[in-house]
Amino acid sequence: MLDQMVAVSGIKAEVLESTYGGTCVELQPLGDMVELFNTKQLPQYGMVRLGSRIVFFPYSHLRGRPLGRPTFVIDANSELGERFLRDFDELLKTAERSQ
């Protein structure tokens, strides 16, 4: 996946790896409160679950992509929130099966 991200974004692999590593280090003090998931597919969105809220933000890896992006806060107990969580769980199961 890293090769795909480099190809479409034009950002060097070392920079992407460093950014990922830095994020992991920043989140490490939170311990079990935070889970990071890696997939083999190039992600098209980010999703953070904060209790009963989901923060969702679409993004692009393409060169020249807009840096600003819409961010949505969704109630995890709503129909849409439940759909997001089911879809995300299925994405993780698919990723686990492909390993």
PDB file of N, CA and C in Angstrom:
ATOM      1  N   MET A   1       0.823  -1.181   0.000  1.00  0.00           N
ATOM      2  CA  MET A   1       0.000   0.000   0.000  1.00  0.00           C
ATOM      3  C   MET A   1       0.876   1.256   0.000  1.00  0.00           C
ATOM      4  N   LEU A   2       2.006   1.205   0.680  1.00  0.00           N
ATOM      5  CA  LEU A   2       2.884   2.373   0.716  1.00  0.00           C
ATOM      6  C   LEU A   2       3.297   2.786  -0.691  1.00  0.00           C
ATOM      7  N   ASP A   3       3.606   1.813  -1.539  1.00  0.00           N
ATOM      8  CA  ASP A   3       3.978   2.123  -2.919  1.00  0.00           C
ATOM      9  C   ASP A   3       2.847   2.851  -3.652  1.00  0.00           C
ATOM     10  N   GLN A   4       1.606   2.420  -3.405  1.00  0.00           N
ATOM     11  CA  GLN A   4       0.447   3.079  -4.023  1.00  0.00           C
ATOM     12  C   GLN A   4       0.330   4.516  -3.548  1.00  0.00           C
ATOM     13  N   MET A   5       0.511   4.731  -2.254  1.00  0.00           N
ATOM     14  CA  MET A   5       0.392   6.078  -1.704  1.00  0.00           C
ATOM     15  C   MET A   5       1.477   6.988  -2.263  1.00  0.00           C
ATOM     16  N   VAL A   6       2.687   6.464  -2.405  1.00  0.00           N
ATOM     17  CA  VAL A   6       3.786   7.246  -2.978  1.00  0.00           C
ATOM     18  C   VAL A   6       3.460   7.599  -4.430  1.00  0.00           C
ATOM     19  N   ALA A   7       2.954   6.624  -5.182  1.00  0.00           N
ATOM     20  CA  ALA A   7       2.673   6.834  -6.604  1.00  0.00           C
ATOM     21  C   ALA A   7       1.615   7.900  -6.841  1.00  0.00           C
ATOM     22  N   VAL A   8       0.555   7.882  -6.057  1.00  0.00           N
ATOM     23  CA  VAL A   8      -0.531   8.837  -6.309  1.00  0.00           C
ATOM     24  C   VAL A   8      -0.321  10.181  -5.634  1.00  0.00           C
ATOM     25  N   SER A   9       0.446  10.210  -4.543  1.00  0.00           N
ATOM     26  CA  SER A   9       0.595  11.471  -3.810  1.00  0.00           C
ATOM     27  C   SER A   9       1.846  12.241  -4.179  1.00  0.00           C
ATOM     28  N   GLY A  10       2.880  11.519  -4.617  1.00  0.00           N
ATOM     29  CA  GLY A  10       4.144  12.186  -4.891  1.00  0.00           C
ATOM     30  C   GLY A  10       4.943  12.477  -3.631  1.00  0.00           C
ATOM     31  N   ILE A  11       4.473  12.015  -2.486  1.00  0.00           N
ATOM     32  CA  ILE A  11       5.192  12.192  -1.216  1.00  0.00           C
ATOM     33  C   ILE A  11       6.154  11.014  -1.057  1.00  0.00           C
ATOM     34  N   LYS A  12       7.366  11.290  -0.639  1.00  0.00           N
ATOM     35  CA  LYS A  12       8.371  10.239  -0.505  1.00  0.00           C
ATOM     36  C   LYS A  12       7.975   9.229   0.571  1.00  0.00           C
ATOM     37  N   ALA A  13       8.363   7.975   0.343  1.00  0.00           N
ATOM     38  CA  ALA A  13       8.039   6.891   1.278  1.00  0.00           C
ATOM     39  C   ALA A  13       8.552   7.197   2.683  1.00  0.00           C
ATOM     40  N   GLU A  14       9.736   7.775   2.780  1.00  0.00           N
ATOM     41  CA  GLU A  14      10.314   8.074   4.096  1.00  0.00           C
ATOM     42  C   GLU A  14       9.441   9.054   4.874  1.00  0.00           C
ATOM     43  N   VAL A  15       8.866  10.031   4.163  1.00  0.00           N
ATOM     44  CA  VAL A  15       8.003  11.025   4.815  1.00  0.00           C
ATOM     45  C   VAL A  15       6.717  10.352   5.299  1.00  0.00           C
ATOM     46  N   LEU A  16       6.131   9.502   4.456  1.00  0.00           N
ATOM     47  CA  LEU A  16       4.909   8.800   4.858  1.00  0.00           C
ATOM     48  C   LEU A  16       5.163   7.895   6.056  1.00  0.00           C
ATOM     49  N   GLU A  17       6.267   7.163   6.031  1.00  0.00           N
ATOM     50  CA  GLU A  17       6.597   6.274   7.150  1.00  0.00           C
ATOM     51  C   GLU A  17       6.846   7.071   8.425  1.00  0.00           C
ATOM     52  N   SER A  18       7.528   8.183   8.300  1.00  0.00           N
ATOM     53  CA  SER A  18       7.824   9.023   9.462  1.00  0.00           C
ATOM     54  C   SER A  18       6.541   9.592  10.061  1.00  0.00           C
ATOM     55  N   THR A  19       5.635  10.040   9.204  1.00  0.00           N
ATOM     56  CA  THR A  19       4.365  10.591   9.679  1.00  0.00           C
ATOM     57  C   THR A  19       3.565   9.526  10.411  1.00  0.00           C
ATOM     58  N   TYR A  20       3.516   8.323   9.842  1.00  0.00           N
ATOM     59  CA  TYR A  20       2.800   7.221  10.490  1.00  0.00           C
ATOM     60  C   TYR A  20       3.434   6.899  11.835  1.00  0.00           C
ATOM     61  N   GLY A  21       4.772   6.790  11.843  1.00  0.00           N
ATOM     62  CA  GLY A  21       5.470   6.485  13.087  1.00  0.00           C
ATOM     63  C   GLY A  21       5.243   7.550  14.142  1.00  0.00           C
ATOM     64  N   GLY A  22       5.266   8.821  13.737  1.00  0.00           N
ATOM     65  CA  GLY A  22       5.029   9.921  14.665  1.00  0.00           C
ATOM     66  C   GLY A  22       3.632   9.881  15.257  1.00  0.00           C
ATOM     67  N   THR A  23       2.651   9.543  14.437  1.00  0.00           N
ATOM     68  CA  THR A  23       1.270   9.434  14.919  1.00  0.00           C
ATOM     69  C   THR A  23       1.152   8.327  15.958  1.00  0.00           C
ATOM     70  N   CYS A  24       1.768   7.189  15.679  1.00  0.00           N
ATOM     71  CA  CYS A  24       1.728   6.062  16.626  1.00  0.00           C
ATOM     72  C   CYS A  24       2.360   6.449  17.959  1.00  0.00           C
ATOM     73  N   VAL A  25       3.483   7.158  17.915  1.00  0.00           N
ATOM     74  CA  VAL A  25       4.168   7.592  19.137  1.00  0.00           C
ATOM     75  C   VAL A  25       3.284   8.563  19.924  1.00  0.00           C
ATOM     76  N   GLU A  26       2.625   9.491  19.219  1.00  0.00           N
ATOM     77  CA  GLU A  26       1.753  10.453  19.899  1.00  0.00           C
ATOM     78  C   GLU A  26       0.571   9.774  20.583  1.00  0.00           C
ATOM     79  N   LEU A  27       0.046   8.715  19.971  1.00  0.00           N
ATOM     80  CA  LEU A  27      -1.134   8.053  20.515  1.00  0.00           C
ATOM     81  C   LEU A  27      -0.796   6.992  21.562  1.00  0.00           C
ATOM     82  N   GLN A  28       0.446   6.557  21.619  1.00  0.00           N
ATOM     83  CA  GLN A  28       0.858   5.483  22.518  1.00  0.00           C
ATOM     84  C   GLN A  28       0.523   5.750  23.993  1.00  0.00           C
ATOM     85  N   PRO A  29       0.701   6.979  24.508  1.00  0.00           N
ATOM     86  CA  PRO A  29       0.368   7.215  25.920  1.00  0.00           C
ATOM     87  C   PRO A  29      -1.102   6.953  26.260  1.00  0.00           C
ATOM     88  N   LEU A  30      -1.968   6.933  25.254  1.00  0.00           N
ATOM     89  CA  LEU A  30      -3.391   6.673  25.509  1.00  0.00           C
ATOM     90  C   LEU A  30      -3.665   5.199  25.748  1.00  0.00           C
ATOM     91  N   GLY A  31      -2.679   4.346  25.467  1.00  0.00           N
ATOM     92  CA  GLY A  31      -2.778   2.915  25.754  1.00  0.00           C
ATOM     93  C   GLY A  31      -3.931   2.237  25.050  1.00  0.00           C
ATOM     94  N   ASP A  32      -4.669   1.435  25.825  1.00  0.00           N
ATOM     95  CA  ASP A  32      -5.752   0.624  25.263  1.00  0.00           C
ATOM     96  C   ASP A  32      -6.937   1.446  24.785  1.00  0.00           C
ATOM     97  N   MET A  33      -6.944   2.736  25.078  1.00  0.00           N
ATOM     98  CA  MET A  33      -8.058   3.578  24.624  1.00  0.00           C
ATOM     99  C   MET A  33      -8.018   3.778  23.115  1.00  0.00           C
ATOM    100  N   VAL A  34      -6.864   3.521  22.499  1.00  0.00           N
ATOM    101  CA  VAL A  34      -6.699   3.781  21.071  1.00  0.00           C
ATOM    102  C   VAL A  34      -6.297   2.499  20.365  1.00  0.00           C
ATOM    103  N   GLU A  35      -6.962   2.210  19.256  1.00  0.00           N
ATOM    104  CA  GLU A  35      -6.583   1.098  18.396  1.00  0.00           C
ATOM    105  C   GLU A  35      -6.329   1.656  17.005  1.00  0.00           C
ATOM    106  N   LEU A  36      -5.191   1.304  16.426  1.00  0.00           N
ATOM    107  CA  LEU A  36      -4.878   1.699  15.056  1.00  0.00           C
ATOM    108  C   LEU A  36      -5.009   0.474  14.176  1.00  0.00           C
ATOM    109  N   PHE A  37      -5.636   0.633  13.028  1.00  0.00           N
ATOM    110  CA  PHE A  37      -5.818  -0.472  12.105  1.00  0.00           C
ATOM    111  C   PHE A  37      -5.156  -0.147  10.781  1.00  0.00           C
ATOM    112  N   ASN A  38      -4.462  -1.111  10.230  1.00  0.00           N
ATOM    113  CA  ASN A  38      -3.844  -0.978   8.914  1.00  0.00           C
ATOM    114  C   ASN A  38      -4.569  -1.893   7.948  1.00  0.00           C
ATOM    115  N   THR A  39      -4.783  -1.421   6.754  1.00  0.00           N
ATOM    116  CA  THR A  39      -5.388  -2.244   5.717  1.00  0.00           C
ATOM    117  C   THR A  39      -4.480  -2.246   4.499  1.00  0.00           C
ATOM    118  N   LYS A  40      -4.673  -3.215   3.639  1.00  0.00           N
ATOM    119  CA  LYS A  40      -3.867  -3.286   2.423  1.00  0.00           C
ATOM    120  C   LYS A  40      -4.464  -2.441   1.308  1.00  0.00           C
ATOM    121  N   GLN A  41      -5.666  -1.943   1.514  1.00  0.00           N
ATOM    122  CA  GLN A  41      -6.306  -1.072   0.540  1.00  0.00           C
ATOM    123  C   GLN A  41      -5.932   0.371   0.823  1.00  0.00           C
ATOM    124  N   LEU A  42      -5.826   1.160  -0.224  1.00  0.00           N
ATOM    125  CA  LEU A  42      -5.533   2.575  -0.061  1.00  0.00           C
ATOM    126  C   LEU A  42      -6.779   3.253   0.512  1.00  0.00           C
ATOM    127  N   PRO A  43      -6.706   3.797   1.723  1.00  0.00           N
ATOM    128  CA  PRO A  43      -7.911   4.362   2.348  1.00  0.00           C
ATOM    129  C   PRO A  43      -8.378   5.633   1.658  1.00  0.00           C
ATOM    130  N   GLN A  44      -9.671   5.828   1.649  1.00  0.00           N
ATOM    131  CA  GLN A  44     -10.267   7.024   1.063  1.00  0.00           C
ATOM    132  C   GLN A  44     -10.910   7.907   2.130  1.00  0.00           C
ATOM    133  N   TYR A  45     -10.841   7.462   3.378  1.00  0.00           N
ATOM    134  CA  TYR A  45     -11.422   8.256   4.455  1.00  0.00           C
ATOM    135  C   TYR A  45     -10.746   7.902   5.773  1.00  0.00           C
ATOM    136  N   GLY A  46     -10.900   8.797   6.729  1.00  0.00           N
ATOM    137  CA  GLY A  46     -10.460   8.540   8.089  1.00  0.00           C
ATOM    138  C   GLY A  46     -11.680   8.504   8.985  1.00  0.00           C
ATOM    139  N   MET A  47     -11.605   7.697  10.015  1.00  0.00           N
ATOM    140  CA  MET A  47     -12.726   7.596  10.938  1.00  0.00           C
ATOM    141  C   MET A  47     -12.177   7.418  12.346  1.00  0.00           C
ATOM    142  N   VAL A  48     -12.699   8.212  13.270  1.00  0.00           N
ATOM    143  CA  VAL A  48     -12.301   8.127  14.667  1.00  0.00           C
ATOM    144  C   VAL A  48     -13.565   7.950  15.481  1.00  0.00           C
ATOM    145  N   ARG A  49     -13.557   6.969  16.369  1.00  0.00           N
ATOM    146  CA  ARG A  49     -14.718   6.782  17.245  1.00  0.00           C
ATOM    147  C   ARG A  49     -14.381   7.345  18.607  1.00  0.00           C
ATOM    148  N   LEU A  50     -15.220   8.259  19.068  1.00  0.00           N
ATOM    149  CA  LEU A  50     -15.059   8.887  20.379  1.00  0.00           C
ATOM    150  C   LEU A  50     -16.337   8.642  21.170  1.00  0.00           C
ATOM    151  N   GLY A  51     -16.357   7.564  21.917  1.00  0.00           N
ATOM    152  CA  GLY A  51     -17.557   7.213  22.669  1.00  0.00           C
ATOM    153  C   GLY A  51     -18.712   6.963  21.732  1.00  0.00           C
ATOM    154  N   SER A  52     -19.776   7.738  21.874  1.00  0.00           N
ATOM    155  CA  SER A  52     -20.949   7.535  21.024  1.00  0.00           C
ATOM    156  C   SER A  52     -20.929   8.430  19.785  1.00  0.00           C
ATOM    157  N   ARG A  53     -19.792   9.008  19.481  1.00  0.00           N
ATOM    158  CA  ARG A  53     -19.657   9.864  18.300  1.00  0.00           C
ATOM    159  C   ARG A  53     -18.618   9.288  17.350  1.00  0.00           C
ATOM    160  N   ILE A  54     -18.850   9.498  16.067  1.00  0.00           N
ATOM    161  CA  ILE A  54     -17.908   9.111  15.020  1.00  0.00           C
ATOM    162  C   ILE A  54     -17.494  10.387  14.299  1.00  0.00           C
ATOM    163  N   VAL A  55     -16.199  10.603  14.197  1.00  0.00           N
ATOM    164  CA  VAL A  55     -15.673  11.721  13.407  1.00  0.00           C
ATOM    165  C   VAL A  55     -15.197  11.109  12.100  1.00  0.00           C
ATOM    166  N   PHE A  56     -15.757  11.571  11.003  1.00  0.00           N
ATOM    167  CA  PHE A  56     -15.505  10.999   9.686  1.00  0.00           C
ATOM    168  C   PHE A  56     -15.003  12.098   8.754  1.00  0.00           C
ATOM    169  N   PHE A  57     -13.928  11.809   8.011  1.00  0.00           N
ATOM    170  CA  PHE A  57     -13.420  12.792   7.059  1.00  0.00           C
ATOM    171  C   PHE A  57     -12.882  12.095   5.816  1.00  0.00           C
ATOM    172  N   PRO A  58     -13.467  12.398   4.656  1.00  0.00           N
ATOM    173  CA  PRO A  58     -12.950  11.856   3.395  1.00  0.00           C
ATOM    174  C   PRO A  58     -11.675  12.596   3.004  1.00  0.00           C
ATOM    175  N   TYR A  59     -10.797  11.922   2.288  1.00  0.00           N
ATOM    176  CA  TYR A  59      -9.603  12.585   1.798  1.00  0.00           C
ATOM    177  C   TYR A  59      -9.082  11.911   0.546  1.00  0.00           C
ATOM    178  N   SER A  60      -8.145  12.565  -0.085  1.00  0.00           N
ATOM    179  CA  SER A  60      -7.562  12.076  -1.327  1.00  0.00           C
ATOM    180  C   SER A  60      -6.045  12.036  -1.179  1.00  0.00           C
ATOM    181  N   HIS A  61      -5.425  11.079  -1.848  1.00  0.00           N
ATOM    182  CA  HIS A  61      -3.969  10.974  -1.851  1.00  0.00           C
ATOM    183  C   HIS A  61      -3.368  11.616  -3.100  1.00  0.00           C
ATOM    184  N   LEU A  62      -4.185  12.134  -3.985  1.00  0.00           N
ATOM    185  CA  LEU A  62      -3.702  12.629  -5.269  1.00  0.00           C
ATOM    186  C   LEU A  62      -2.870  13.894  -5.136  1.00  0.00           C
ATOM    187  N   ARG A  63      -1.935  14.050  -6.059  1.00  0.00           N
ATOM    188  CA  ARG A  63      -1.140  15.286  -6.119  1.00  0.00           C
ATOM    189  C   ARG A  63      -2.096  16.465  -6.313  1.00  0.00           C
ATOM    190  N   GLY A  64      -1.783  17.575  -5.682  1.00  0.00           N
ATOM    191  CA  GLY A  64      -2.604  18.765  -5.848  1.00  0.00           C
ATOM    192  C   GLY A  64      -3.952  18.685  -5.152  1.00  0.00           C
ATOM    193  N   ARG A  65      -4.128  17.721  -4.303  1.00  0.00           N
ATOM    194  CA  ARG A  65      -5.416  17.546  -3.614  1.00  0.00           C
ATOM    195  C   ARG A  65      -5.694  18.755  -2.719  1.00  0.00           C
ATOM    196  N   PRO A  66      -6.956  19.072  -2.537  1.00  0.00           N
ATOM    197  CA  PRO A  66      -7.261  20.174  -1.622  1.00  0.00           C
ATOM    198  C   PRO A  66      -6.898  19.758  -0.195  1.00  0.00           C
ATOM    199  N   LEU A  67      -6.269  20.655   0.539  1.00  0.00           N
ATOM    200  CA  LEU A  67      -5.860  20.326   1.897  1.00  0.00           C
ATOM    201  C   LEU A  67      -7.027  20.435   2.869  1.00  0.00           C
ATOM    202  N   GLY A  68      -7.957  21.333   2.605  1.00  0.00           N
ATOM    203  CA  GLY A  68      -9.143  21.425   3.433  1.00  0.00           C
ATOM    204  C   GLY A  68     -10.090  20.286   3.092  1.00  0.00           C
ATOM    205  N   ARG A  69     -10.754  19.771   4.063  1.00  0.00           N
ATOM    206  CA  ARG A  69     -11.688  18.684   3.799  1.00  0.00           C
ATOM    207  C   ARG A  69     -12.868  18.805   4.759  1.00  0.00           C
ATOM    208  N   PRO A  70     -14.025  18.378   4.312  1.00  0.00           N
ATOM    209  CA  PRO A  70     -15.171  18.425   5.224  1.00  0.00           C
ATOM    210  C   PRO A  70     -15.001  17.373   6.316  1.00  0.00           C
ATOM    211  N   THR A  71     -15.452  17.686   7.500  1.00  0.00           N
ATOM    212  CA  THR A  71     -15.415  16.758   8.619  1.00  0.00           C
ATOM    213  C   THR A  71     -16.825  16.639   9.164  1.00  0.00           C
ATOM    214  N   PHE A  72     -17.234  15.414   9.423  1.00  0.00           N
ATOM    215  CA  PHE A  72     -18.592  15.156   9.890  1.00  0.00           C
ATOM    216  C   PHE A  72     -18.542  14.485  11.254  1.00  0.00           C
ATOM    217  N   VAL A  73     -19.443  14.866  12.146  1.00  0.00           N
ATOM    218  CA  VAL A  73     -19.593  14.204  13.435  1.00  0.00           C
ATOM    219  C   VAL A  73     -20.943  13.504  13.398  1.00  0.00           C
ATOM    220  N   ILE A  74     -20.914  12.201  13.618  1.00  0.00           N
ATOM    221  CA  ILE A  74     -22.108  11.372  13.469  1.00  0.00           C
ATOM    222  C   ILE A  74     -22.379  10.641  14.778  1.00  0.00           C
ATOM    223  N   ASP A  75     -23.622  10.557  15.176  1.00  0.00           N
ATOM    224  CA  ASP A  75     -24.018   9.792  16.357  1.00  0.00           C
ATOM    225  C   ASP A  75     -23.866   8.309  16.031  1.00  0.00           C
ATOM    226  N   ALA A  76     -23.029   7.592  16.785  1.00  0.00           N
ATOM    227  CA  ALA A  76     -22.779   6.170  16.527  1.00  0.00           C
ATOM    228  C   ALA A  76     -24.032   5.317  16.715  1.00  0.00           C
ATOM    229  N   ASN A  77     -25.000   5.827  17.463  1.00  0.00           N
ATOM    230  CA  ASN A  77     -26.230   5.068  17.706  1.00  0.00           C
ATOM    231  C   ASN A  77     -27.307   5.340  16.662  1.00  0.00           C
ATOM    232  N   SER A  78     -27.046   6.253  15.732  1.00  0.00           N
ATOM    233  CA  SER A  78     -28.025   6.535  14.679  1.00  0.00           C
ATOM    234  C   SER A  78     -27.923   5.462  13.597  1.00  0.00           C
ATOM    235  N   GLU A  79     -28.880   5.445  12.700  1.00  0.00           N
ATOM    236  CA  GLU A  79     -28.852   4.470  11.607  1.00  0.00           C
ATOM    237  C   GLU A  79     -27.586   4.632  10.762  1.00  0.00           C
ATOM    238  N   LEU A  80     -27.224   5.871  10.458  1.00  0.00           N
ATOM    239  CA  LEU A  80     -26.016   6.125   9.679  1.00  0.00           C
ATOM    240  C   LEU A  80     -24.763   5.704  10.454  1.00  0.00           C
ATOM    241  N   GLY A  81     -24.714   6.030  11.738  1.00  0.00           N
ATOM    242  CA  GLY A  81     -23.568   5.649  12.564  1.00  0.00           C
ATOM    243  C   GLY A  81     -23.405   4.149  12.651  1.00  0.00           C
ATOM    244  N   GLU A  82     -24.494   3.442  12.825  1.00  0.00           N
ATOM    245  CA  GLU A  82     -24.431   1.977  12.871  1.00  0.00           C
ATOM    246  C   GLU A  82     -23.955   1.411  11.543  1.00  0.00           C
ATOM    247  N   ARG A  83     -24.374   2.005  10.445  1.00  0.00           N
ATOM    248  CA  ARG A  83     -23.928   1.578   9.114  1.00  0.00           C
ATOM    249  C   ARG A  83     -22.419   1.786   8.969  1.00  0.00           C
ATOM    250  N   PHE A  84     -21.913   2.933   9.405  1.00  0.00           N
ATOM    251  CA  PHE A  84     -20.474   3.205   9.363  1.00  0.00           C
ATOM    252  C   PHE A  84     -19.705   2.138  10.136  1.00  0.00           C
ATOM    253  N   LEU A  85     -20.166   1.830  11.345  1.00  0.00           N
ATOM    254  CA  LEU A  85     -19.460   0.862  12.177  1.00  0.00           C
ATOM    255  C   LEU A  85     -19.509  -0.535  11.568  1.00  0.00           C
ATOM    256  N   ARG A  86     -20.644  -0.934  11.001  1.00  0.00           N
ATOM    257  CA  ARG A  86     -20.733  -2.248  10.336  1.00  0.00           C
ATOM    258  C   ARG A  86     -19.789  -2.311   9.146  1.00  0.00           C
ATOM    259  N   ASP A  87     -19.790  -1.260   8.325  1.00  0.00           N
ATOM    260  CA  ASP A  87     -18.913  -1.226   7.149  1.00  0.00           C
ATOM    261  C   ASP A  87     -17.443  -1.262   7.560  1.00  0.00           C
ATOM    262  N   PHE A  88     -17.090  -0.526   8.624  1.00  0.00           N
ATOM    263  CA  PHE A  88     -15.714  -0.494   9.091  1.00  0.00           C
ATOM    264  C   PHE A  88     -15.300  -1.861   9.632  1.00  0.00           C
ATOM    265  N   ASP A  89     -16.188  -2.505  10.395  1.00  0.00           N
ATOM    266  CA  ASP A  89     -15.892  -3.850  10.905  1.00  0.00           C
ATOM    267  C   ASP A  89     -15.675  -4.824   9.754  1.00  0.00           C
ATOM    268  N   GLU A  90     -16.478  -4.727   8.710  1.00  0.00           N
ATOM    269  CA  GLU A  90     -16.334  -5.614   7.552  1.00  0.00           C
ATOM    270  C   GLU A  90     -15.006  -5.355   6.838  1.00  0.00           C
ATOM    271  N   LEU A  91     -14.611  -4.099   6.741  1.00  0.00           N
ATOM    272  CA  LEU A  91     -13.320  -3.753   6.144  1.00  0.00           C
ATOM    273  C   LEU A  91     -12.180  -4.403   6.929  1.00  0.00           C
ATOM    274  N   LEU A  92     -12.258  -4.361   8.254  1.00  0.00           N
ATOM    275  CA  LEU A  92     -11.213  -4.969   9.085  1.00  0.00           C
ATOM    276  C   LEU A  92     -11.201  -6.488   8.950  1.00  0.00           C
ATOM    277  N   LYS A  93     -12.372  -7.099   8.896  1.00  0.00           N
ATOM    278  CA  LYS A  93     -12.435  -8.561   8.717  1.00  0.00           C
ATOM    279  C   LYS A  93     -11.831  -8.965   7.382  1.00  0.00           C
ATOM    280  N   THR A  94     -12.131  -8.216   6.336  1.00  0.00           N
ATOM    281  CA  THR A  94     -11.560  -8.499   5.015  1.00  0.00           C
ATOM    282  C   THR A  94     -10.050  -8.359   5.051  1.00  0.00           C
ATOM    283  N   ALA A  95      -9.552  -7.342   5.726  1.00  0.00           N
ATOM    284  CA  ALA A  95      -8.103  -7.127   5.844  1.00  0.00           C
ATOM    285  C   ALA A  95      -7.450  -8.268   6.595  1.00  0.00           C
ATOM    286  N   GLU A  96      -8.092  -8.761   7.666  1.00  0.00           N
ATOM    287  CA  GLU A  96      -7.544  -9.877   8.440  1.00  0.00           C
ATOM    288  C   GLU A  96      -7.484 -11.147   7.601  1.00  0.00           C
ATOM    289  N   ARG A  97      -8.528 -11.398   6.795  1.00  0.00           N
ATOM    290  CA  ARG A  97      -8.553 -12.611   5.967  1.00  0.00           C
ATOM    291  C   ARG A  97      -7.492 -12.586   4.886  1.00  0.00           C
ATOM    292  N   SER A  98      -7.121 -11.405   4.416  1.00  0.00           N
ATOM    293  CA  SER A  98      -6.142 -11.308   3.325  1.00  0.00           C
ATOM    294  C   SER A  98      -4.702 -11.372   3.818  1.00  0.00           C
ATOM    295  N   GLN A  99      -4.485 -11.393   5.126  1.00  0.00           N
ATOM    296  CA  GLN A  99      -3.118 -11.440   5.657  1.00  0.00           C
ATOM    297  C   GLN A  99      -2.562 -12.831   5.671  1.00  0.00           C
TER     298      GLN A  99
END
